Amino acid sequence: MAKYIAQIIVLGTQVVGRAFARALKQELAASQEAAKRAGGGPEGARRAAANASTGLTLEEAMQILNVEKLDPEKINNNYEHLFNVNDKAKGGSFYLQSKIVRAKERIETELKSNQPKQDQSQSKASS
């Protein structure tokens, strides 16, 4: 009887160990894929930090605000419209309103990080 219990415990441990190893491999592969999509290097690290701080990728933020390019005027117009339409007092959704705010924050983060690059390229071109 003890022999069978020991075999069951060993088999159960093996099954759990294999499942854990498989899950670990999948997580590692997903992490590497995310790093590739972020661009890798310092640029990828910056994007990953911005994504983590707002909880949105740049693409998601652009979809939420319905913009194709990072045009500050269009972003602000769409933000104002969507924010007002989803006002709780007008029967809107606080959840959607908060998503709209986070989307604008994410895009503003991207615009701020692109600003120094544009300034550097303009100063090099004028030299």
Foldseek 3Di string as FASTA:
>chain_A
DVVVVVVVVVVVVVVVVVVVVVVVVVVVVVVVVLLVVLPHDPSSVLQVVLCVVLVHHLVVLCVLLVHDDLDPVSSVVSLVVQLVVQDVVNVHDPVSNSSNVSSSVSSVSVVVVCVVVVVVVVVVVVD
